[in-house]
C-alpha atoms as a PDB file:
ATOM      1  CA  MET A   1     267.167  80.866 132.605  1.00  0.00           C
ATOM      2  CA  ALA A   2     269.272  81.509 129.531  1.00  0.00           C
ATOM      3  CA  LEU A   3     267.899  82.322 126.081  1.00  0.00           C
ATOM      4  CA  ALA A   4     270.746  81.278 123.800  1.00  0.00           C
ATOM      5  CA  LYS A   5     271.850  78.686 121.266  1.00  0.00           C
ATOM      6  CA  ASP A   6     272.114  75.234 122.835  1.00  0.00           C
ATOM      7  CA  SER A   7     275.822  74.389 122.888  1.00  0.00           C
ATOM      8  CA  LYS A   8     278.491  73.025 125.200  1.00  0.00           C
ATOM      9  CA  ASP A   9     279.931  76.537 125.528  1.00  0.00           C
ATOM     10  CA  LEU A  10     276.576  77.684 126.926  1.00  0.00           C
ATOM     11  CA  TYR A  11     276.693  75.000 129.618  1.00  0.00           C
ATOM     12  CA  ARG A  12     280.324  75.737 130.384  1.00  0.00           C
ATOM     13  CA  THR A  13     279.759  79.512 130.631  1.00  0.00           C
ATOM     14  CA  GLU A  14     276.327  79.761 132.255  1.00  0.00           C
ATOM     15  CA  PHE A  15     275.651  76.507 134.073  1.00  0.00           C
ATOM     16  CA  ALA A  16     278.995  75.014 135.126  1.00  0.00           C
ATOM     17  CA  ASP A  17     278.707  76.541 138.601  1.00  0.00           C
ATOM     18  CA  PHE A  18     275.142  75.193 138.888  1.00  0.00           C
ATOM     19  CA  PHE A  19     276.231  71.608 138.239  1.00  0.00           C
ATOM     20  CA  GLN A  20     279.281  72.035 140.474  1.00  0.00           C
ATOM     21  CA  PHE A  21     277.077  73.333 143.323  1.00  0.00           C
ATOM     22  CA  LEU A  22     274.874  70.235 143.118  1.00  0.00           C
ATOM     23  CA  ARG A  23     277.882  67.894 143.006  1.00  0.00           C
ATOM     24  CA  ASP A  24     279.409  69.579 146.067  1.00  0.00           C
ATOM     25  CA  ASN A  25     276.100  69.490 147.934  1.00  0.00           C
ATOM     26  CA  LYS A  26     275.619  65.797 147.188  1.00  0.00           C
ATOM     27  CA  HIS A  27     279.139  65.109 148.468  1.00  0.00           C
ATOM     28  CA  GLU A  28     278.632  67.170 151.621  1.00  0.00           C
ATOM     29  CA  LYS A  29     275.447  65.254 152.420  1.00  0.00           C
ATOM     30  CA  GLY A  30     277.310  61.947 152.198  1.00  0.00           C
ATOM     31  CA  PHE A  31     275.487  61.070 148.962  1.00  0.00           C
ATOM     32  CA  ARG A  32     272.211  60.750 150.915  1.00  0.00           C
ATOM     33  CA  ILE A  33     270.758  63.202 148.378  1.00  0.00           C
ATOM     34  CA  LYS A  34     270.709  62.371 144.673  1.00  0.00           C
ATOM     35  CA  PHE A  35     270.082  65.043 142.031  1.00  0.00           C
ATOM     36  CA  LEU A  36     268.559  64.003 138.711  1.00  0.00           C
ATOM     37  CA  PHE A  37     268.446  66.044 135.504  1.00  0.00           C
ATOM     38  CA  PRO A  38     265.452  65.584 133.170  1.00  0.00           C
ATOM     39  CA  GLN A  39     266.730  66.715 129.750  1.00  0.00           C
ATOM     40  CA  ASP A  40     266.229  66.273 126.062  1.00  0.00           C
ATOM     41  CA  MET A  41     268.732  64.109 124.214  1.00  0.00           C
ATOM     42  CA  SER A  42     270.892  66.966 122.920  1.00  0.00           C
ATOM     43  CA  SER A  43     271.285  68.298 126.444  1.00  0.00           C
ATOM     44  CA  ILE A  44     272.178  64.847 127.765  1.00  0.00           C
ATOM     45  CA  TRP A  45     274.930  64.511 125.142  1.00  0.00           C
ATOM     46  CA  LYS A  46     276.461  67.796 126.244  1.00  0.00           C
ATOM     47  CA  THR A  47     276.173  67.306 129.995  1.00  0.00           C
ATOM     48  CA  THR A  48     277.392  63.693 130.118  1.00  0.00           C
ATOM     49  CA  GLY A  49     280.093  63.980 127.423  1.00  0.00           C
ATOM     50  CA  ARG A  50     278.699  60.896 125.682  1.00  0.00           C
ATOM     51  CA  GLY A  51     276.848  60.194 122.448  1.00  0.00           C
ATOM     52  CA  PHE A  52     275.876  62.306 119.462  1.00  0.00           C
ATOM     53  CA  THR A  53     273.737  62.276 116.324  1.00  0.00           C
ATOM     54  CA  ALA A  54     273.608  59.021 114.378  1.00  0.00           C
ATOM     55  CA  LYS A  55     275.728  58.980 111.196  1.00  0.00           C
ATOM     56  CA  VAL A  56     277.756  61.923 112.552  1.00  0.00           C
ATOM     57  CA  LYS A  57     279.535  60.146 115.401  1.00  0.00           C
ATOM     58  CA  SER A  58     280.366  56.462 115.802  1.00  0.00           C
ATOM     59  CA  PHE A  59     278.666  56.295 119.200  1.00  0.00           C
ATOM     60  CA  LEU A  60     275.274  57.908 119.476  1.00  0.00           C
ATOM     61  CA  CYS A  61     273.909  56.653 122.799  1.00  0.00           C
ATOM     62  CA  TYR A  62     274.980  58.086 126.144  1.00  0.00           C
ATOM     63  CA  CYS A  63     274.130  54.943 128.125  1.00  0.00           C
ATOM     64  CA  CYS A  64     274.700  51.871 125.923  1.00  0.00           C
ATOM     65  CA  ALA A  65     277.337  50.563 123.524  1.00  0.00           C
ATOM     66  CA  VAL A  66     275.305  50.750 120.310  1.00  0.00           C
ATOM     67  CA  THR A  67     277.200  52.207 117.343  1.00  0.00           C
ATOM     68  CA  THR A  68     276.106  53.865 114.117  1.00  0.00           C
ATOM     69  CA  SER A  69     277.024  50.732 112.149  1.00  0.00           C
ATOM     70  CA  SER A  70     275.113  48.395 114.507  1.00  0.00           C
ATOM     71  CA  LEU A  71     272.042  50.587 115.003  1.00  0.00           C
ATOM     72  CA  ALA A  72     269.880  48.762 112.441  1.00  0.00           C
ATOM     73  CA  ALA A  73     271.870  45.510 112.261  1.00  0.00           C
ATOM     74  CA  ALA A  74     270.908  42.413 114.221  1.00  0.00           C
ATOM     75  CA  GLN A  75     273.518  41.166 116.703  1.00  0.00           C
ATOM     76  CA  PRO A  76     274.661  37.527 117.074  1.00  0.00           C
ATOM     77  CA  LYS A  77     272.293  35.896 119.547  1.00  0.00           C
ATOM     78  CA  GLU A  78     275.132  34.185 121.409  1.00  0.00           C
ATOM     79  CA  LYS A  79     276.662  37.590 122.191  1.00  0.00           C
ATOM     80  CA  CYS A  80     273.521  39.074 123.747  1.00  0.00           C
ATOM     81  CA  PHE A  81     274.251  40.212 127.297  1.00  0.00           C
ATOM     82  CA  ARG A  82     270.756  39.107 128.349  1.00  0.00           C
ATOM     83  CA  GLY A  83     271.590  35.458 127.666  1.00  0.00           C
ATOM     84  CA  PRO A  84     268.544  33.140 127.847  1.00  0.00           C
ATOM     85  CA  LEU A  85     266.331  36.129 128.713  1.00  0.00           C
ATOM     86  CA  CYS A  86     266.640  37.313 125.100  1.00  0.00           C
ATOM     87  CA  LEU A  87     263.610  35.735 123.415  1.00  0.00           C
ATOM     88  CA  GLN A  88     263.700  37.832 120.239  1.00  0.00           C
ATOM     89  CA  PRO A  89     264.345  36.030 116.905  1.00  0.00           C
ATOM     90  CA  LEU A  90     266.628  38.937 115.947  1.00  0.00           C
ATOM     91  CA  CYS A  91     268.658  40.507 118.761  1.00  0.00           C
ATOM     92  CA  TYR A  92     269.140  44.280 118.990  1.00  0.00           C
ATOM     93  CA  HIS A  93     270.210  44.425 122.632  1.00  0.00           C
ATOM     94  CA  HIS A  94     273.381  46.313 123.533  1.00  0.00           C
ATOM     95  CA  PRO A  95     275.082  46.288 126.957  1.00  0.00           C
ATOM     96  CA  MET A  96     274.712  49.339 129.175  1.00  0.00           C
ATOM     97  CA  ILE A  97     277.776  51.478 129.818  1.00  0.00           C
ATOM     98  CA  CYS A  98     278.868  51.340 133.450  1.00  0.00           C
ATOM     99  CA  GLU A  99     282.208  51.437 135.262  1.00  0.00           C
ATOM    100  CA  GLU A 100     282.608  47.664 134.952  1.00  0.00           C
ATOM    101  CA  THR A 101     281.847  47.843 131.223  1.00  0.00           C
ATOM    102  CA  ILE A 102     284.487  50.532 130.663  1.00  0.00           C
ATOM    103  CA  GLN A 103     287.057  48.507 132.629  1.00  0.00           C
ATOM    104  CA  SER A 104     286.258  45.405 130.547  1.00  0.00           C
ATOM    105  CA  TRP A 105     286.901  47.422 127.349  1.00  0.00           C
ATOM    106  CA  GLY A 106     290.331  48.386 128.660  1.00  0.00           C
ATOM    107  CA  ILE A 107     291.133  44.781 129.606  1.00  0.00           C
ATOM    108  CA  GLN A 108     290.013  43.470 126.213  1.00  0.00           C
ATOM    109  CA  LYS A 109     292.046  46.174 124.426  1.00  0.00           C
ATOM    110  CA  GLN A 110     295.156  45.239 126.415  1.00  0.00           C
ATOM    111  CA  GLN A 111     294.652  41.526 125.690  1.00  0.00           C
ATOM    112  CA  LEU A 112     294.505  42.246 121.960  1.00  0.00           C
ATOM    113  CA  GLU A 113     297.707  44.313 122.181  1.00  0.00           C
ATOM    114  CA  ASP A 114     299.424  41.429 123.972  1.00  0.00           C
ATOM    115  CA  GLN A 115     298.295  38.967 121.297  1.00  0.00           C
ATOM    116  CA  TYR A 116     298.940  41.246 118.301  1.00  0.00           C
ATOM    117  CA  GLN A 117     301.737  43.594 119.335  1.00  0.00           C
ATOM    118  CA  TYR A 118     301.555  45.675 116.143  1.00  0.00           C
ATOM    119  CA  LEU A 119     298.119  46.992 117.168  1.00  0.00           C
ATOM    120  CA  SER A 120     299.552  49.322 119.804  1.00  0.00           C
ATOM    121  CA  SER A 121     301.543  51.192 117.128  1.00  0.00           C
ATOM    122  CA  LEU A 122     298.602  51.723 114.770  1.00  0.00           C
ATOM    123  CA  THR A 123     296.677  54.957 114.324  1.00  0.00           C
ATOM    124  CA  LEU A 124     293.010  54.108 113.852  1.00  0.00           C
ATOM    125  CA  ASP A 125     292.269  56.761 111.261  1.00  0.00           C
ATOM    126  CA  SER A 126     295.018  55.678 108.893  1.00  0.00           C
ATOM    127  CA  ASP A 127     296.592  52.259 109.378  1.00  0.00           C
ATOM    128  CA  LEU A 128     293.425  50.324 110.164  1.00  0.00           C
ATOM    129  CA  LYS A 129     291.769  51.740 107.047  1.00  0.00           C
ATOM    130  CA  ALA A 130     294.813  51.442 104.808  1.00  0.00           C
ATOM    131  CA  SER A 131     294.505  47.701 104.180  1.00  0.00           C
ATOM    132  CA  LYS A 132     292.456  46.733 101.140  1.00  0.00           C
ATOM    133  CA  VAL A 133     291.767  43.283 102.537  1.00  0.00           C
ATOM    134  CA  PHE A 134     288.553  43.174 104.503  1.00  0.00           C
ATOM    135  CA  VAL A 135     286.554  40.622 106.456  1.00  0.00           C
ATOM    136  CA  SER A 136     282.849  40.813 107.212  1.00  0.00           C
ATOM    137  CA  SER A 137     280.837  38.925 109.826  1.00  0.00           C
ATOM    138  CA  ILE A 138     277.621  39.831 107.984  1.00  0.00           C
ATOM    139  CA  ASN A 139     276.675  37.254 105.337  1.00  0.00           C
ATOM    140  CA  GLU A 140     275.075  39.836 103.045  1.00  0.00           C
ATOM    141  CA  LEU A 141     278.343  41.788 102.813  1.00  0.00           C
ATOM    142  CA  ARG A 142     280.547  38.838 101.903  1.00  0.00           C
ATOM    143  CA  ASP A 143     281.727  38.750  98.310  1.00  0.00           C
ATOM    144  CA  ASP A 144     283.982  35.868  97.295  1.00  0.00           C
ATOM    145  CA  LEU A 145     284.296  37.417  93.809  1.00  0.00           C
ATOM    146  CA  ASN A 146     286.002  40.538  95.197  1.00  0.00           C
ATOM    147  CA  PRO A 147     289.822  40.110  95.212  1.00  0.00           C
ATOM    148  CA  ASN A 148     290.018  42.189  98.397  1.00  0.00           C
ATOM    149  CA  ASP A 149     287.546  39.996 100.316  1.00  0.00           C
ATOM    150  CA  ILE A 150     289.208  37.555 102.698  1.00  0.00           C
ATOM    151  CA  ASP A 151     286.933  34.822 101.253  1.00  0.00           C
ATOM    152  CA  TYR A 152     287.916  35.548  97.628  1.00  0.00           C
ATOM    153  CA  GLN A 153     288.234  32.337  95.611  1.00  0.00           C
ATOM    154  CA  PRO A 154     290.661  32.614  92.660  1.00  0.00           C
ATOM    155  CA  SER A 155     289.641  30.954  89.392  1.00  0.00           C
ATOM    156  CA  THR A 156     293.042  30.804  87.684  1.00  0.00           C
ATOM    157  CA  MET A 157     296.586  29.866  88.666  1.00  0.00           C
ATOM    158  CA  GLU A 158     297.739  33.472  88.221  1.00  0.00           C
ATOM    159  CA  GLU A 159     295.015  34.753  90.546  1.00  0.00           C
ATOM    160  CA  GLY A 160     295.973  32.094  93.108  1.00  0.00           C
ATOM    161  CA  ILE A 161     299.613  33.219  93.032  1.00  0.00           C
ATOM    162  CA  GLU A 162     298.563  36.848  93.535  1.00  0.00           C
ATOM    163  CA  VAL A 163     296.296  35.879  96.452  1.00  0.00           C
ATOM    164  CA  ASN A 164     299.186  34.041  98.107  1.00  0.00           C
ATOM    165  CA  ALA A 165     301.508  37.026  97.597  1.00  0.00           C
ATOM    166  CA  SER A 166     298.889  39.397  98.970  1.00  0.00           C
ATOM    167  CA  LEU A 167     298.460  37.217 102.066  1.00  0.00           C
ATOM    168  CA  ASN A 168     302.224  37.166 102.588  1.00  0.00           C
ATOM    169  CA  ARG A 169     302.447  40.970 102.379  1.00  0.00           C
ATOM    170  CA  LYS A 170     299.589  41.514 104.791  1.00  0.00           C
ATOM    171  CA  LEU A 171     300.849  38.944 107.285  1.00  0.00           C
ATOM    172  CA  GLY A 172     304.299  40.536 107.143  1.00  0.00           C
ATOM    173  CA  PHE A 173     302.829  43.931 108.031  1.00  0.00           C
ATOM    174  CA  GLN A 174     301.046  42.362 110.986  1.00  0.00           C
ATOM    175  CA  GLN A 175     304.250  40.659 112.134  1.00  0.00           C
ATOM    176  CA  LEU A 176     302.668  37.237 111.704  1.00  0.00           C
ATOM    177  CA  PRO A 177     304.309  34.154 110.142  1.00  0.00           C
ATOM    178  CA  ALA A 178     303.613  33.698 106.427  1.00  0.00           C
ATOM    179  CA  THR A 179     304.077  29.922 106.522  1.00  0.00           C
ATOM    180  CA  GLY A 180     301.745  27.056 105.734  1.00  0.00           C
ATOM    181  CA  THR A 181     299.073  26.616 103.101  1.00  0.00           C
ATOM    182  CA  VAL A 182     296.908  29.380 101.651  1.00  0.00           C
ATOM    183  CA  ARG A 183     294.040  28.132 103.804  1.00  0.00           C
ATOM    184  CA  GLU A 184     296.164  28.433 106.963  1.00  0.00           C
ATOM    185  CA  LYS A 185     297.409  31.887 105.973  1.00  0.00           C
ATOM    186  CA  ARG A 186     293.871  33.025 105.223  1.00  0.00           C
ATOM    187  CA  GLN A 187     292.628  31.857 108.614  1.00  0.00           C
ATOM    188  CA  ARG A 188     295.581  33.494 110.373  1.00  0.00           C
ATOM    189  CA  LEU A 189     294.874  36.762 108.575  1.00  0.00           C
ATOM    190  CA  ARG A 190     291.134  36.498 109.242  1.00  0.00           C
ATOM    191  CA  SER A 191     291.761  36.230 112.988  1.00  0.00           C
ATOM    192  CA  ALA A 192     294.062  39.260 112.866  1.00  0.00           C
ATOM    193  CA  LEU A 193     291.582  41.355 110.842  1.00  0.00           C
ATOM    194  CA  GLU A 194     288.771  40.472 113.254  1.00  0.00           C
ATOM    195  CA  ALA A 195     291.073  41.474 116.119  1.00  0.00           C
ATOM    196  CA  GLU A 196     291.740  44.802 114.351  1.00  0.00           C
ATOM    197  CA  GLN A 197     288.011  45.495 114.114  1.00  0.00           C
ATOM    198  CA  ILE A 198     287.477  44.712 117.789  1.00  0.00           C
ATOM    199  CA  TYR A 199     290.556  46.740 118.762  1.00  0.00           C
ATOM    200  CA  GLY A 200     289.332  49.751 116.808  1.00  0.00           C
ATOM    201  CA  LEU A 201     285.917  49.461 118.430  1.00  0.00           C
ATOM    202  CA  MET A 202     287.383  49.133 121.949  1.00  0.00           C
ATOM    203  CA  THR A 203     289.637  52.164 121.401  1.00  0.00           C
ATOM    204  CA  LYS A 204     286.770  54.315 120.110  1.00  0.00           C
ATOM    205  CA  LEU A 205     284.497  53.172 122.933  1.00  0.00           C
ATOM    206  CA  ILE A 206     287.074  54.151 125.547  1.00  0.00           C
ATOM    207  CA  ASN A 207     287.720  57.493 123.842  1.00  0.00           C
ATOM    208  CA  SER A 208     283.980  58.176 123.594  1.00  0.00           C
ATOM    209  CA  ILE A 209     283.747  58.638 127.374  1.00  0.00           C
ATOM    210  CA  ASP A 210     284.684  62.286 127.925  1.00  0.00           C
ATOM    211  CA  TYR A 211     284.895  62.715 131.687  1.00  0.00           C
ATOM    212  CA  GLU A 212     286.680  66.063 131.387  1.00  0.00           C
ATOM    213  CA  SER A 213     283.709  67.848 129.847  1.00  0.00           C
ATOM    214  CA  ALA A 214     280.953  65.980 131.725  1.00  0.00           C
ATOM    215  CA  PHE A 215     278.700  68.072 133.961  1.00  0.00           C
ATOM    216  CA  CYS A 216     276.716  65.165 135.401  1.00  0.00           C
ATOM    217  CA  ALA A 217     276.870  61.380 135.534  1.00  0.00           C
ATOM    218  CA  ALA A 218     275.067  59.402 132.845  1.00  0.00           C
ATOM    219  CA  GLU A 219     272.943  57.612 135.448  1.00  0.00           C
ATOM    220  CA  ASP A 220     271.632  60.998 136.642  1.00  0.00           C
ATOM    221  CA  ALA A 221     270.490  62.120 133.181  1.00  0.00           C
ATOM    222  CA  ILE A 222     266.794  61.324 132.629  1.00  0.00           C
ATOM    223  CA  PRO A 223     265.662  61.458 128.975  1.00  0.00           C
ATOM    224  CA  PHE A 224     262.622  63.498 127.968  1.00  0.00           C
ATOM    225  CA  ILE A 225     259.913  60.908 127.287  1.00  0.00           C
ATOM    226  CA  MET A 226     258.671  62.624 124.100  1.00  0.00           C
ATOM    227  CA  HIS A 227     262.100  62.197 122.514  1.00  0.00           C
ATOM    228  CA  ALA A 228     262.161  58.540 123.560  1.00  0.00           C
ATOM    229  CA  GLY A 229     258.780  58.070 121.886  1.00  0.00           C
ATOM    230  CA  ASN A 230     260.007  59.703 118.688  1.00  0.00           C
ATOM    231  CA  ARG A 231     263.079  57.472 118.588  1.00  0.00           C
ATOM    232  CA  MET A 232     261.028  54.319 119.197  1.00  0.00           C
ATOM    233  CA  ASN A 233     258.673  55.221 116.343  1.00  0.00           C
ATOM    234  CA  GLU A 234     261.656  55.914 114.093  1.00  0.00           C
ATOM    235  CA  LYS A 235     263.162  52.521 114.950  1.00  0.00           C
ATOM    236  CA  LEU A 236     259.857  50.714 114.300  1.00  0.00           C
ATOM    237  CA  PHE A 237     259.522  52.456 110.937  1.00  0.00           C
ATOM    238  CA  MET A 238     263.091  51.499 110.036  1.00  0.00           C
ATOM    239  CA  MET A 239     262.416  47.853 110.936  1.00  0.00           C
ATOM    240  CA  LEU A 240     259.365  47.831 108.671  1.00  0.00           C
ATOM    241  CA  LEU A 241     261.477  49.177 105.806  1.00  0.00           C
ATOM    242  CA  LEU A 242     264.180  46.563 106.392  1.00  0.00           C
ATOM    243  CA  GLN A 243     261.652  43.728 106.443  1.00  0.00           C
ATOM    244  CA  ALA A 244     260.049  45.033 103.258  1.00  0.00           C
END
């Protein structure tokens, strides 16, 4: 027992040998013995190296791919991993994180780099946020009166010329051809901006798995049921507010 502030340093200093002993014992027994760790959520974050507080980190769950931005936002039904089993009118299901899921993130990230070669040279904290042009898949966030929205509709000839010049500059940065009509350029840029969003998400998802500091596997961490109840009540309350 240790009476101290709950931190990763505490686990590393006082309990690292405890977790290592259990890992070694499980290995020696040919994995015929499985050790589970009932913990509260804060402890699970520290021992698995995954997740953190909502609005502080992008990825708050240690076992699924939900993000801070998608926590209270409905997902496209056609993207639900449950397929026809998802009977909800609004889908909030997120795929579980497993070895196959992590590998699929890496494959998808590599495919995007092959399609848009400039992505591999970007730094997520600067270049991806530097562009003023934005695209949103959420109808409520679209604003065709905002000059920086990809769906902006100019009302004068001068505004149309500026939109065309802006598209040319952005496409040049992304090493994409600036040929064709404004409609074709806009669609080409839209596809690239959507790819940037997915690429940024895939990179952050991969980086969110911290194997170096993990003390136990995520599938061995059992959440404290009282905390699960609190989070469910919080989610239900949030849904009521959104519907109101």
